[in-house]
Amino acid sequence: MAEATFRATVLASGRGGGHLVEVPPEAVERLGGTARIQVVVRNDEVPRVVEVPDELVRAFRSNGVAREYFGSLSYSHQRQFVGYITEAKKPETRARRAFRATETLIERASSEDAPPGRAEPAHGRPEWV
């Protein structure tokens, strides 16, 4: 039997207590594109770490509050901030977005309405875009 190992998030389906796991296309291909597969779910103990782009690292050097608040965010929210910066093609756009992100992080860090890990909406672009 073919095997494929991949990372995924187990989601509640909302139907009778079931769960969903999205199988990445690469894994489906390794499995031969079969319509039915057996999935074994194991707890992933390896921490998920977002690679922070240089523009954001530079912006954090001058602002510890933003850096600390960013560090308190969940993996998904960190990834959302980083994705917004790294999707820009021009270096000046990336730098501008990094600056805007640090401003938002500072604002959120001082806000009583935004506990760590809840800085961004669950779907779509960050609201500070």
C-alpha atoms as a PDB file:
ATOM      1  CA  MET A   1       0.000   0.000   0.000  1.00  0.00           C
ATOM      2  CA  ALA A   2       1.315   3.472  -0.904  1.00  0.00           C
ATOM      3  CA  GLU A   3       2.020   5.924   1.912  1.00  0.00           C
ATOM      4  CA  ALA A   4       2.317   9.696   2.119  1.00  0.00           C
ATOM      5  CA  THR A   5       3.194  11.812   5.147  1.00  0.00           C
ATOM      6  CA  PHE A   6       1.976  15.394   5.316  1.00  0.00           C
ATOM      7  CA  ARG A   7       1.026  18.116   7.769  1.00  0.00           C
ATOM      8  CA  ALA A   8      -2.588  19.185   7.941  1.00  0.00           C
ATOM      9  CA  THR A   9      -5.091  20.719  10.273  1.00  0.00           C
ATOM     10  CA  VAL A  10      -8.011  18.621  11.456  1.00  0.00           C
ATOM     11  CA  LEU A  11     -11.186  20.661  11.137  1.00  0.00           C
ATOM     12  CA  ALA A  12     -14.582  20.062  12.704  1.00  0.00           C
ATOM     13  CA  SER A  13     -17.062  19.389   9.911  1.00  0.00           C
ATOM     14  CA  GLY A  14     -20.046  20.732  11.810  1.00  0.00           C
ATOM     15  CA  ARG A  15     -22.032  17.631  10.885  1.00  0.00           C
ATOM     16  CA  GLY A  16     -22.604  15.140  13.630  1.00  0.00           C
ATOM     17  CA  GLY A  17     -19.238  15.626  15.292  1.00  0.00           C
ATOM     18  CA  GLY A  18     -17.165  14.488  12.304  1.00  0.00           C
ATOM     19  CA  HIS A  19     -13.886  15.979  11.182  1.00  0.00           C
ATOM     20  CA  LEU A  20     -12.241  16.899   7.899  1.00  0.00           C
ATOM     21  CA  VAL A  21      -8.619  16.691   6.772  1.00  0.00           C
ATOM     22  CA  GLU A  22      -7.600  18.265   3.483  1.00  0.00           C
ATOM     23  CA  VAL A  23      -5.109  16.023   1.708  1.00  0.00           C
ATOM     24  CA  PRO A  24      -2.564  18.075  -0.258  1.00  0.00           C
ATOM     25  CA  PRO A  25      -2.399  17.377  -4.025  1.00  0.00           C
ATOM     26  CA  GLU A  26       1.213  16.138  -3.708  1.00  0.00           C
ATOM     27  CA  ALA A  27       0.090  13.486  -1.229  1.00  0.00           C
ATOM     28  CA  VAL A  28      -2.818  12.423  -3.457  1.00  0.00           C
ATOM     29  CA  GLU A  29      -0.360  12.061  -6.338  1.00  0.00           C
ATOM     30  CA  ARG A  30       2.015   9.925  -4.212  1.00  0.00           C
ATOM     31  CA  LEU A  31      -0.959   7.764  -3.274  1.00  0.00           C
ATOM     32  CA  GLY A  32      -1.743   7.170  -6.927  1.00  0.00           C
ATOM     33  CA  GLY A  33      -4.786   9.443  -7.015  1.00  0.00           C
ATOM     34  CA  THR A  34      -7.000   6.874  -5.309  1.00  0.00           C
ATOM     35  CA  ALA A  35     -10.550   7.922  -4.483  1.00  0.00           C
ATOM     36  CA  ARG A  36     -10.511   6.373  -1.000  1.00  0.00           C
ATOM     37  CA  ILE A  37      -7.640   6.484   1.422  1.00  0.00           C
ATOM     38  CA  GLN A  38      -7.075   5.473   4.990  1.00  0.00           C
ATOM     39  CA  VAL A  39      -5.718   8.252   7.168  1.00  0.00           C
ATOM     40  CA  VAL A  40      -3.799   7.824  10.404  1.00  0.00           C
ATOM     41  CA  VAL A  41      -3.739  11.021  12.459  1.00  0.00           C
ATOM     42  CA  ARG A  42      -0.851  11.628  14.828  1.00  0.00           C
ATOM     43  CA  ASN A  43      -0.329  14.590  17.099  1.00  0.00           C
ATOM     44  CA  ASP A  44       2.301  16.862  15.571  1.00  0.00           C
ATOM     45  CA  GLU A  45       4.699  17.805  18.362  1.00  0.00           C
ATOM     46  CA  VAL A  46       7.028  19.827  16.123  1.00  0.00           C
ATOM     47  CA  PRO A  47       6.425  23.547  16.660  1.00  0.00           C
ATOM     48  CA  ARG A  48       5.224  25.437  13.613  1.00  0.00           C
ATOM     49  CA  VAL A  49       7.502  28.398  13.052  1.00  0.00           C
ATOM     50  CA  VAL A  50       6.979  31.262  10.622  1.00  0.00           C
ATOM     51  CA  GLU A  51      10.086  32.460   8.788  1.00  0.00           C
ATOM     52  CA  VAL A  52      10.136  36.211   9.392  1.00  0.00           C
ATOM     53  CA  PRO A  53      11.275  38.204   6.333  1.00  0.00           C
ATOM     54  CA  ASP A  54      14.259  40.541   6.583  1.00  0.00           C
ATOM     55  CA  GLU A  55      12.051  43.624   6.232  1.00  0.00           C
ATOM     56  CA  LEU A  56      10.083  42.692   9.330  1.00  0.00           C
ATOM     57  CA  VAL A  57      13.232  41.719  11.254  1.00  0.00           C
ATOM     58  CA  ARG A  58      14.643  45.199  10.551  1.00  0.00           C
ATOM     59  CA  ALA A  59      11.391  46.850  11.632  1.00  0.00           C
ATOM     60  CA  PHE A  60      11.396  44.808  14.858  1.00  0.00           C
ATOM     61  CA  ARG A  61      14.931  45.942  15.748  1.00  0.00           C
ATOM     62  CA  SER A  62      13.620  49.400  16.535  1.00  0.00           C
ATOM     63  CA  ASN A  63      10.441  48.209  18.215  1.00  0.00           C
ATOM     64  CA  GLY A  64      10.454  45.561  20.910  1.00  0.00           C
ATOM     65  CA  VAL A  65       6.726  45.979  21.622  1.00  0.00           C
ATOM     66  CA  ALA A  66       5.798  44.967  18.080  1.00  0.00           C
ATOM     67  CA  ARG A  67       8.300  42.077  18.135  1.00  0.00           C
ATOM     68  CA  GLU A  68       6.981  40.727  21.442  1.00  0.00           C
ATOM     69  CA  TYR A  69       3.350  41.022  20.408  1.00  0.00           C
ATOM     70  CA  PHE A  70       4.100  39.298  17.093  1.00  0.00           C
ATOM     71  CA  GLY A  71       5.769  36.491  19.060  1.00  0.00           C
ATOM     72  CA  SER A  72       2.630  36.060  21.163  1.00  0.00           C
ATOM     73  CA  LEU A  73       0.416  35.526  18.124  1.00  0.00           C
ATOM     74  CA  SER A  74      -0.665  32.120  16.902  1.00  0.00           C
ATOM     75  CA  TYR A  75       1.168  30.534  13.972  1.00  0.00           C
ATOM     76  CA  SER A  76      -1.738  31.330  11.638  1.00  0.00           C
ATOM     77  CA  HIS A  77      -1.813  35.002  12.562  1.00  0.00           C
ATOM     78  CA  GLN A  78       1.955  35.336  12.253  1.00  0.00           C
ATOM     79  CA  ARG A  79       1.746  33.699   8.840  1.00  0.00           C
ATOM     80  CA  GLN A  80      -0.944  36.171   7.802  1.00  0.00           C
ATOM     81  CA  PHE A  81       1.241  39.153   8.701  1.00  0.00           C
ATOM     82  CA  VAL A  82       4.283  37.640   6.970  1.00  0.00           C
ATOM     83  CA  GLY A  83       2.323  36.638   3.870  1.00  0.00           C
ATOM     84  CA  TYR A  84       1.056  40.157   3.394  1.00  0.00           C
ATOM     85  CA  ILE A  85       4.630  41.444   3.394  1.00  0.00           C
ATOM     86  CA  THR A  86       6.222  38.717   1.278  1.00  0.00           C
ATOM     87  CA  GLU A  87       3.586  38.757  -1.470  1.00  0.00           C
ATOM     88  CA  ALA A  88       4.821  42.221  -2.511  1.00  0.00           C
ATOM     89  CA  LYS A  89       7.228  42.173  -5.457  1.00  0.00           C
ATOM     90  CA  LYS A  90       9.055  45.477  -4.968  1.00  0.00           C
ATOM     91  CA  PRO A  91      11.462  45.899  -2.028  1.00  0.00           C
ATOM     92  CA  GLU A  92      10.008  49.327  -1.197  1.00  0.00           C
ATOM     93  CA  THR A  93       6.501  47.859  -1.021  1.00  0.00           C
ATOM     94  CA  ARG A  94       7.706  45.083   1.274  1.00  0.00           C
ATOM     95  CA  ALA A  95       9.435  47.657   3.524  1.00  0.00           C
ATOM     96  CA  ARG A  96       6.308  49.832   3.612  1.00  0.00           C
ATOM     97  CA  ARG A  97       4.139  46.844   4.497  1.00  0.00           C
ATOM     98  CA  ALA A  98       6.560  45.776   7.232  1.00  0.00           C
ATOM     99  CA  PHE A  99       6.385  49.276   8.711  1.00  0.00           C
ATOM    100  CA  ARG A 100       2.574  49.225   8.535  1.00  0.00           C
ATOM    101  CA  ALA A 101       2.539  45.777  10.181  1.00  0.00           C
ATOM    102  CA  THR A 102       4.673  46.994  13.103  1.00  0.00           C
ATOM    103  CA  GLU A 103       2.353  49.977  13.577  1.00  0.00           C
ATOM    104  CA  THR A 104      -0.609  47.605  13.700  1.00  0.00           C
ATOM    105  CA  LEU A 105       1.163  45.284  16.132  1.00  0.00           C
ATOM    106  CA  ILE A 106       1.967  48.217  18.448  1.00  0.00           C
ATOM    107  CA  GLU A 107      -1.632  49.400  18.282  1.00  0.00           C
ATOM    108  CA  ARG A 108      -2.961  45.929  19.021  1.00  0.00           C
ATOM    109  CA  ALA A 109      -0.485  45.363  21.844  1.00  0.00           C
ATOM    110  CA  SER A 110      -1.792  48.459  23.626  1.00  0.00           C
ATOM    111  CA  SER A 111      -5.451  47.631  22.967  1.00  0.00           C
ATOM    112  CA  GLU A 112      -7.516  45.892  25.624  1.00  0.00           C
ATOM    113  CA  ASP A 113      -9.712  44.503  22.836  1.00  0.00           C
ATOM    114  CA  ALA A 114      -7.029  42.318  21.264  1.00  0.00           C
ATOM    115  CA  PRO A 115      -5.609  39.568  23.463  1.00  0.00           C
ATOM    116  CA  PRO A 116      -2.579  37.708  22.059  1.00  0.00           C
ATOM    117  CA  GLY A 117      -3.424  35.375  19.202  1.00  0.00           C
ATOM    118  CA  ARG A 118      -6.529  37.266  18.165  1.00  0.00           C
ATOM    119  CA  ALA A 119      -5.042  40.137  16.180  1.00  0.00           C
ATOM    120  CA  GLU A 120      -6.542  39.298  12.805  1.00  0.00           C
ATOM    121  CA  PRO A 121      -9.835  38.062  11.378  1.00  0.00           C
ATOM    122  CA  ALA A 122     -10.099  34.327  10.787  1.00  0.00           C
ATOM    123  CA  HIS A 123     -10.403  34.583   6.980  1.00  0.00           C
ATOM    124  CA  GLY A 124      -9.205  36.866   4.215  1.00  0.00           C
ATOM    125  CA  ARG A 125      -6.680  39.666   4.274  1.00  0.00           C
ATOM    126  CA  PRO A 126      -5.658  41.272   7.517  1.00  0.00           C
ATOM    127  CA  GLU A 127      -7.973  44.142   8.399  1.00  0.00           C
ATOM    128  CA  TRP A 128      -5.013  46.543   8.429  1.00  0.00           C
ATOM    129  CA  VAL A 129      -4.439  46.107   4.682  1.00  0.00           C
END
